[in-house]
Structure formats: C-alpha cells, structure tokens
All heavy atoms as atom14 arrays in JSON, in Angstrom:
{
  "sequence": "YNDSAARAWASDRCPRGPNRQFGDCDARRGVV",
  "atom14_mask": [
    [1, 1, 1, 1, 1, 1, 1, 1, 1, 1, 1, 1, 0, 0],
    [1, 1, 1, 1, 1, 1, 1, 1, 0, 0, 0, 0, 0, 0],
    [1, 1, 1, 1, 1, 1, 1, 1, 0, 0, 0, 0, 0, 0],
    [1, 1, 1, 1, 1, 1, 0, 0, 0, 0, 0, 0, 0, 0],
    [1, 1, 1, 1, 1, 0, 0, 0, 0, 0, 0, 0, 0, 0],
    [1, 1, 1, 1, 1, 0, 0, 0, 0, 0, 0, 0, 0, 0],
    [1, 1, 1, 1, 1, 1, 1, 1, 1, 1, 1, 0, 0, 0],
    [1, 1, 1, 1, 1, 0, 0, 0, 0, 0, 0, 0, 0, 0],
    [1, 1, 1, 1, 1, 1, 1, 1, 1, 1, 1, 1, 1, 1],
    [1, 1, 1, 1, 1, 0, 0, 0, 0, 0, 0, 0, 0, 0],
    [1, 1, 1, 1, 1, 1, 0, 0, 0, 0, 0, 0, 0, 0],
    [1, 1, 1, 1, 1, 1, 1, 1, 0, 0, 0, 0, 0, 0],
    [1, 1, 1, 1, 1, 1, 1, 1, 1, 1, 1, 0, 0, 0],
    [1, 1, 1, 1, 1, 1, 0, 0, 0, 0, 0, 0, 0, 0],
    [1, 1, 1, 1, 1, 1, 1, 0, 0, 0, 0, 0, 0, 0],
    [1, 1, 1, 1, 1, 1, 1, 1, 1, 1, 1, 0, 0, 0],
    [1, 1, 1, 1, 0, 0, 0, 0, 0, 0, 0, 0, 0, 0],
    [1, 1, 1, 1, 1, 1, 1, 0, 0, 0, 0, 0, 0, 0],
    [1, 1, 1, 1, 1, 1, 1, 1, 0, 0, 0, 0, 0, 0],
    [1, 1, 1, 1, 1, 1, 1, 1, 1, 1, 1, 0, 0, 0],
    [1, 1, 1, 1, 1, 1, 1, 1, 1, 0, 0, 0, 0, 0],
    [1, 1, 1, 1, 1, 1, 1, 1, 1, 1, 1, 0, 0, 0],
    [1, 1, 1, 1, 0, 0, 0, 0, 0, 0, 0, 0, 0, 0],
    [1, 1, 1, 1, 1, 1, 1, 1, 0, 0, 0, 0, 0, 0],
    [1, 1, 1, 1, 1, 1, 0, 0, 0, 0, 0, 0, 0, 0],
    [1, 1, 1, 1, 1, 1, 1, 1, 0, 0, 0, 0, 0, 0],
    [1, 1, 1, 1, 1, 0, 0, 0, 0, 0, 0, 0, 0, 0],
    [1, 1, 1, 1, 1, 1, 1, 1, 1, 1, 1, 0, 0, 0],
    [1, 1, 1, 1, 1, 1, 1, 1, 1, 1, 1, 0, 0, 0],
    [1, 1, 1, 1, 0, 0, 0, 0, 0, 0, 0, 0, 0, 0],
    [1, 1, 1, 1, 1, 1, 1, 0, 0, 0, 0, 0, 0, 0],
    [1, 1, 1, 1, 1, 1, 1, 0, 0, 0, 0, 0, 0, 0]
  ],
  "atom14_positions": [
    [[79.05, -91.12, 13.34], [79.44, -91.26, 14.72], [78.94, -92.63, 15.19], [77.98, -93.09, 14.73], [78.82, -90.19, 15.47], [79.37, -88.83, 15.26], [78.68, -87.95, 14.38], [80.61, -88.39, 15.84], [79.2, -86.71, 14.12], [81.06, -87.16, 15.63], [80.39, -86.3, 14.62], [80.96, -85.06, 14.39], [0.0, 0.0, 0.0], [0.0, 0.0, 0.0]],
    [[79.58, -93.21, 16.22], [79.34, -94.52, 16.67], [79.18, -94.41, 18.23], [80.26, -94.57, 18.8], [80.38, -95.57, 16.19], [80.03, -97.03, 16.71], [79.46, -97.28, 17.69], [80.4, -98.02, 15.85], [0.0, 0.0, 0.0], [0.0, 0.0, 0.0], [0.0, 0.0, 0.0], [0.0, 0.0, 0.0], [0.0, 0.0, 0.0], [0.0, 0.0, 0.0]],
    [[78.0, -94.32, 18.66], [77.76, -94.12, 20.08], [78.07, -95.38, 20.86], [78.64, -95.28, 22.04], [76.4, -93.64, 20.33], [76.14, -93.08, 21.73], [77.05, -92.29, 22.18], [75.1, -93.42, 22.35], [0.0, 0.0, 0.0], [0.0, 0.0, 0.0], [0.0, 0.0, 0.0], [0.0, 0.0, 0.0], [0.0, 0.0, 0.0], [0.0, 0.0, 0.0]],
    [[77.71, -96.61, 20.37], [78.04, -97.81, 21.16], [79.63, -97.95, 21.21], [80.02, -98.48, 22.33], [77.38, -98.93, 20.38], [77.93, -99.2, 19.2], [0.0, 0.0, 0.0], [0.0, 0.0, 0.0], [0.0, 0.0, 0.0], [0.0, 0.0, 0.0], [0.0, 0.0, 0.0], [0.0, 0.0, 0.0], [0.0, 0.0, 0.0], [0.0, 0.0, 0.0]],
    [[80.36, -97.62, 20.21], [81.78, -97.81, 20.33], [82.32, -96.79, 21.41], [83.21, -97.04, 22.19], [82.49, -97.66, 18.94], [0.0, 0.0, 0.0], [0.0, 0.0, 0.0], [0.0, 0.0, 0.0], [0.0, 0.0, 0.0], [0.0, 0.0, 0.0], [0.0, 0.0, 0.0], [0.0, 0.0, 0.0], [0.0, 0.0, 0.0], [0.0, 0.0, 0.0]],
    [[81.75, -95.61, 21.36], [82.17, -94.55, 22.39], [81.78, -95.02, 23.79], [82.64, -94.93, 24.65], [81.49, -93.25, 22.09], [0.0, 0.0, 0.0], [0.0, 0.0, 0.0], [0.0, 0.0, 0.0], [0.0, 0.0, 0.0], [0.0, 0.0, 0.0], [0.0, 0.0, 0.0], [0.0, 0.0, 0.0], [0.0, 0.0, 0.0], [0.0, 0.0, 0.0]],
    [[80.64, -95.63, 23.97], [80.28, -96.09, 25.34], [81.2, -97.29, 25.73], [81.65, -97.3, 26.83], [78.87, -96.62, 25.32], [77.84, -95.49, 25.4], [76.43, -96.03, 25.81], [75.94, -97.03, 24.92], [75.39, -96.76, 23.72], [75.14, -95.65, 23.27], [74.95, -97.81, 22.92], [0.0, 0.0, 0.0], [0.0, 0.0, 0.0], [0.0, 0.0, 0.0]],
    [[81.5, -98.11, 24.81], [82.44, -99.31, 25.18], [83.85, -98.75, 25.47], [84.48, -99.21, 26.46], [82.54, -100.16, 23.96], [0.0, 0.0, 0.0], [0.0, 0.0, 0.0], [0.0, 0.0, 0.0], [0.0, 0.0, 0.0], [0.0, 0.0, 0.0], [0.0, 0.0, 0.0], [0.0, 0.0, 0.0], [0.0, 0.0, 0.0], [0.0, 0.0, 0.0]],
    [[84.29, -97.79, 24.67], [85.65, -97.18, 24.94], [85.78, -96.52, 26.34], [86.61, -96.64, 27.06], [86.04, -96.19, 23.86], [87.43, -95.68, 23.95], [88.52, -96.16, 23.24], [87.95, -94.51, 24.7], [89.64, -95.36, 23.6], [89.23, -94.35, 24.42], [87.29, -93.6, 25.61], [89.97, -93.45, 25.08], [88.05, -92.68, 26.22], [89.35, -92.63, 25.91]],
    [[84.63, -95.78, 26.6], [84.5, -95.12, 27.93], [84.43, -96.09, 29.13], [85.16, -96.03, 30.16], [83.28, -94.16, 28.04], [0.0, 0.0, 0.0], [0.0, 0.0, 0.0], [0.0, 0.0, 0.0], [0.0, 0.0, 0.0], [0.0, 0.0, 0.0], [0.0, 0.0, 0.0], [0.0, 0.0, 0.0], [0.0, 0.0, 0.0], [0.0, 0.0, 0.0]],
    [[83.69, -97.28, 28.97], [83.64, -98.29, 29.99], [85.06, -99.01, 30.07], [85.38, -99.27, 31.26], [82.6, -99.27, 29.44], [82.56, -100.4, 30.46], [0.0, 0.0, 0.0], [0.0, 0.0, 0.0], [0.0, 0.0, 0.0], [0.0, 0.0, 0.0], [0.0, 0.0, 0.0], [0.0, 0.0, 0.0], [0.0, 0.0, 0.0], [0.0, 0.0, 0.0]],
    [[85.78, -99.17, 29.12], [87.19, -99.81, 29.17], [88.18, -98.88, 29.68], [89.15, -99.32, 30.38], [87.53, -100.35, 27.83], [86.69, -101.55, 27.43], [85.99, -102.18, 28.21], [86.71, -101.95, 26.27], [0.0, 0.0, 0.0], [0.0, 0.0, 0.0], [0.0, 0.0, 0.0], [0.0, 0.0, 0.0], [0.0, 0.0, 0.0], [0.0, 0.0, 0.0]],
    [[88.21, -97.55, 29.27], [89.25, -96.7, 29.51], [88.98, -95.71, 30.72], [90.02, -95.11, 31.13], [89.51, -95.92, 28.25], [89.83, -96.74, 27.06], [91.28, -97.15, 27.07], [91.63, -97.9, 25.91], [92.16, -97.55, 24.82], [92.51, -96.32, 24.58], [92.37, -98.33, 23.82], [0.0, 0.0, 0.0], [0.0, 0.0, 0.0], [0.0, 0.0, 0.0]],
    [[87.93, -95.53, 31.16], [87.68, -94.49, 32.25], [87.85, -95.28, 33.56], [87.01, -96.23, 33.81], [86.39, -93.8, 32.08], [86.38, -92.64, 30.7], [0.0, 0.0, 0.0], [0.0, 0.0, 0.0], [0.0, 0.0, 0.0], [0.0, 0.0, 0.0], [0.0, 0.0, 0.0], [0.0, 0.0, 0.0], [0.0, 0.0, 0.0], [0.0, 0.0, 0.0]],
    [[88.63, -94.95, 34.39], [88.84, -95.66, 35.7], [87.52, -95.46, 36.65], [86.86, -94.42, 36.56], [90.0, -94.91, 36.42], [90.16, -93.64, 35.7], [89.54, -93.73, 34.29], [0.0, 0.0, 0.0], [0.0, 0.0, 0.0], [0.0, 0.0, 0.0], [0.0, 0.0, 0.0], [0.0, 0.0, 0.0], [0.0, 0.0, 0.0], [0.0, 0.0, 0.0]],
    [[87.31, -96.42, 37.41], [86.11, -96.36, 38.29], [86.67, -96.54, 39.84], [87.84, -97.0, 39.9], [85.19, -97.54, 37.97], [84.77, -97.56, 36.53], [83.31, -97.87, 36.34], [82.77, -98.06, 35.04], [82.74, -97.08, 34.16], [83.1, -95.97, 34.37], [82.21, -97.29, 33.02], [0.0, 0.0, 0.0], [0.0, 0.0, 0.0], [0.0, 0.0, 0.0]],
    [[85.8, -96.24, 40.61], [86.24, -96.46, 42.04], [86.65, -95.13, 42.88], [86.81, -94.16, 42.13], [0.0, 0.0, 0.0], [0.0, 0.0, 0.0], [0.0, 0.0, 0.0], [0.0, 0.0, 0.0], [0.0, 0.0, 0.0], [0.0, 0.0, 0.0], [0.0, 0.0, 0.0], [0.0, 0.0, 0.0], [0.0, 0.0, 0.0], [0.0, 0.0, 0.0]],
    [[86.82, -95.28, 44.05], [87.12, -94.03, 44.79], [88.33, -93.47, 44.62], [88.61, -92.31, 44.91], [86.95, -94.58, 46.3], [87.27, -96.0, 46.3], [86.75, -96.39, 44.85], [0.0, 0.0, 0.0], [0.0, 0.0, 0.0], [0.0, 0.0, 0.0], [0.0, 0.0, 0.0], [0.0, 0.0, 0.0], [0.0, 0.0, 0.0], [0.0, 0.0, 0.0]],
    [[89.34, -94.11, 44.17], [90.84, -93.6, 44.07], [91.2, -93.14, 42.74], [92.33, -92.9, 42.36], [91.8, -94.66, 44.5], [91.65, -95.06, 45.94], [91.39, -94.18, 46.77], [91.87, -96.3, 46.22], [0.0, 0.0, 0.0], [0.0, 0.0, 0.0], [0.0, 0.0, 0.0], [0.0, 0.0, 0.0], [0.0, 0.0, 0.0], [0.0, 0.0, 0.0]],
    [[90.12, -92.94, 41.79], [90.44, -92.4, 40.5], [90.91, -90.99, 40.55], [90.46, -90.26, 41.41], [89.26, -92.61, 39.49], [88.08, -91.85, 39.92], [86.94, -92.1, 38.8], [85.75, -91.27, 39.2], [84.57, -91.83, 39.66], [84.49, -93.03, 39.88], [83.7, -90.98, 39.92], [0.0, 0.0, 0.0], [0.0, 0.0, 0.0], [0.0, 0.0, 0.0]],
    [[91.7, -90.63, 39.58], [92.16, -89.21, 39.54], [91.19, -88.2, 39.07], [91.2, -87.07, 39.5], [93.49, -89.13, 38.73], [94.19, -87.86, 38.69], [95.42, -87.93, 37.92], [95.77, -88.91, 37.39], [96.14, -86.84, 37.85], [0.0, 0.0, 0.0], [0.0, 0.0, 0.0], [0.0, 0.0, 0.0], [0.0, 0.0, 0.0], [0.0, 0.0, 0.0]],
    [[90.29, -88.54, 38.01], [89.35, -87.67, 37.49], [87.97, -88.2, 37.83], [87.75, -89.19, 38.22], [89.63, -87.58, 36.01], [91.0, -87.0, 35.69], [91.87, -87.95, 34.92], [91.44, -85.77, 36.0], [93.16, -87.47, 34.66], [92.74, -85.32, 35.61], [93.61, -86.11, 35.01], [0.0, 0.0, 0.0], [0.0, 0.0, 0.0], [0.0, 0.0, 0.0]],
    [[86.98, -87.37, 37.32], [85.66, -87.72, 37.61], [85.04, -88.71, 36.56], [85.71, -89.41, 35.84], [0.0, 0.0, 0.0], [0.0, 0.0, 0.0], [0.0, 0.0, 0.0], [0.0, 0.0, 0.0], [0.0, 0.0, 0.0], [0.0, 0.0, 0.0], [0.0, 0.0, 0.0], [0.0, 0.0, 0.0], [0.0, 0.0, 0.0], [0.0, 0.0, 0.0]],
    [[83.7, -88.73, 36.53], [82.9, -89.53, 35.71], [83.21, -89.34, 34.24], [83.5, -88.21, 33.74], [81.48, -89.46, 35.95], [81.08, -89.94, 37.27], [81.76, -90.82, 37.89], [80.11, -89.38, 37.81], [0.0, 0.0, 0.0], [0.0, 0.0, 0.0], [0.0, 0.0, 0.0], [0.0, 0.0, 0.0], [0.0, 0.0, 0.0], [0.0, 0.0, 0.0]],
    [[83.01, -90.32, 33.41], [83.1, -90.24, 31.89], [81.57, -90.39, 31.45], [80.71, -91.02, 32.03], [83.89, -91.4, 31.38], [85.62, -91.06, 31.41], [0.0, 0.0, 0.0], [0.0, 0.0, 0.0], [0.0, 0.0, 0.0], [0.0, 0.0, 0.0], [0.0, 0.0, 0.0], [0.0, 0.0, 0.0], [0.0, 0.0, 0.0], [0.0, 0.0, 0.0]],
    [[81.34, -89.77, 30.28], [80.02, -89.76, 29.77], [80.27, -89.91, 28.13], [81.16, -89.23, 27.58], [79.35, -88.56, 29.99], [77.82, -88.7, 29.62], [77.33, -89.72, 29.24], [77.05, -87.67, 29.73], [0.0, 0.0, 0.0], [0.0, 0.0, 0.0], [0.0, 0.0, 0.0], [0.0, 0.0, 0.0], [0.0, 0.0, 0.0], [0.0, 0.0, 0.0]],
    [[79.64, -90.96, 27.52], [79.65, -91.08, 26.12], [78.3, -90.46, 25.46], [77.32, -90.96, 25.86], [79.89, -92.45, 25.58], [0.0, 0.0, 0.0], [0.0, 0.0, 0.0], [0.0, 0.0, 0.0], [0.0, 0.0, 0.0], [0.0, 0.0, 0.0], [0.0, 0.0, 0.0], [0.0, 0.0, 0.0], [0.0, 0.0, 0.0], [0.0, 0.0, 0.0]],
    [[78.44, -89.47, 24.62], [77.22, -88.86, 24.07], [77.45, -88.68, 22.58], [78.33, -87.99, 22.11], [77.08, -87.49, 24.63], [76.72, -87.43, 26.08], [76.64, -85.98, 26.57], [76.1, -85.95, 27.91], [75.28, -85.08, 28.36], [74.8, -84.14, 27.54], [75.0, -85.11, 29.62], [0.0, 0.0, 0.0], [0.0, 0.0, 0.0], [0.0, 0.0, 0.0]],
    [[76.44, -89.39, 21.78], [76.5, -89.25, 20.38], [77.78, -89.33, 19.84], [78.24, -88.65, 18.84], [75.89, -87.86, 20.03], [74.4, -87.78, 20.6], [73.62, -86.51, 20.35], [74.23, -85.52, 19.4], [74.64, -84.3, 19.8], [74.69, -83.89, 21.1], [75.04, -83.45, 18.9], [0.0, 0.0, 0.0], [0.0, 0.0, 0.0], [0.0, 0.0, 0.0]],
    [[78.55, -90.41, 20.18], [79.86, -90.74, 19.65], [81.08, -90.02, 20.24], [82.19, -90.21, 19.74], [0.0, 0.0, 0.0], [0.0, 0.0, 0.0], [0.0, 0.0, 0.0], [0.0, 0.0, 0.0], [0.0, 0.0, 0.0], [0.0, 0.0, 0.0], [0.0, 0.0, 0.0], [0.0, 0.0, 0.0], [0.0, 0.0, 0.0], [0.0, 0.0, 0.0]],
    [[80.91, -89.07, 21.18], [81.95, -88.31, 21.8], [82.07, -88.74, 23.32], [81.08, -88.72, 24.05], [81.66, -86.84, 21.65], [82.76, -85.91, 22.26], [81.42, -86.43, 20.18], [0.0, 0.0, 0.0], [0.0, 0.0, 0.0], [0.0, 0.0, 0.0], [0.0, 0.0, 0.0], [0.0, 0.0, 0.0], [0.0, 0.0, 0.0], [0.0, 0.0, 0.0]],
    [[83.21, -88.95, 23.8], [83.52, -89.31, 25.17], [84.13, -88.17, 25.82], [85.15, -87.54, 25.4], [84.48, -90.6, 25.32], [84.68, -90.9, 26.78], [83.99, -91.74, 24.44], [0.0, 0.0, 0.0], [0.0, 0.0, 0.0], [0.0, 0.0, 0.0], [0.0, 0.0, 0.0], [0.0, 0.0, 0.0], [0.0, 0.0, 0.0], [0.0, 0.0, 0.0]]
  ]
}
C-alpha cells in the first residue's frame, strides 16, 4: 500500500469548498 500516493490522489481529486456535492475525503493506509 502507498499512503502518500493515496493522500496525493485525495488532495487532487476530492473537491473542496462549500459547494461540493459530497463530504470530506480521508486517505488511510493506502485507501481513499
């Protein structure tokens, strides 16, 4: 598992801000 790649993917792909459709993302032990 690659936790740093999971965190980078979550940072790039999970929308931020008040108008996002879904909630927060979390990368844990390689799983987003």
